[in-house]
Amino acid sequence: MKLIVGLGNPGAEYQNTRHNLGAHAVEQFRERHHSNFSHFGFEKRWNAEIAKGSFAHIAGEKILLALPQTFMNASGESVGPLFRFHKLLDGDLWIVHDDLDLPLGALRISVGASAGGHHGAESVIHSVGSSDFPRFRIGIGPRGEAPAEKFVLERFSREEEKNLGSTVARACDAIETALKDGVERAQSWFNG
């Protein structure tokens, strides 16, 4: 099983903020493959919106999509129990999140990297006891003079929104490639 988690903050007020780009990408991945996945439904014991299904190119492997309903900095409180309950290996957990240090639209797939100041990733790493899992990092920078904690909660400008669809589509393409051909192949295609 693969557990693919989109990090973000719960609630309508955060829905279109920079910090929710990872959750948005996972939602769009489910939409793109809607016939293969259930609708997102809240599961109390995981404190997450969950969609179950499979990916057409991988016979027999189940995929669980999750959107933690904790706040970003406590993402591990949802992800850790899901990870342990399903007895997953590190490589079976994939995290999708925003990255302030990458320019808007850039995508990097890393494995075994530190949290790099991202508190959601840090919470997950702490909760599962490892950083040896793939992270799909989607650029939201540069932030300019704004403090990081304020910038990540801002909405995208109208100019930035013009490219947001292609940014999210590219993240979905990267997830698909990793599922079909492996994470290393996806890194070689999308980290350039």
Foldseek 3Di string as FASTA:
>chain_A
DAEEEFEAEDDPLQCQFLFRLSVVLLQVLCVVVVVFKDAFDADVVLQWTWIKGDDVLDPPDIYIYTYHHHHLLQLLSRVLVVCVVVVDDQARYEYEGEDQVDAALAKAKDAQDAPNPRNNLNNNCVSNVGRGYIYIYGYDDDPPPDDPVVRRRDGDDPVSVVCSVVSSVLSSVLVVCCVNPNNVVSRVVRVD
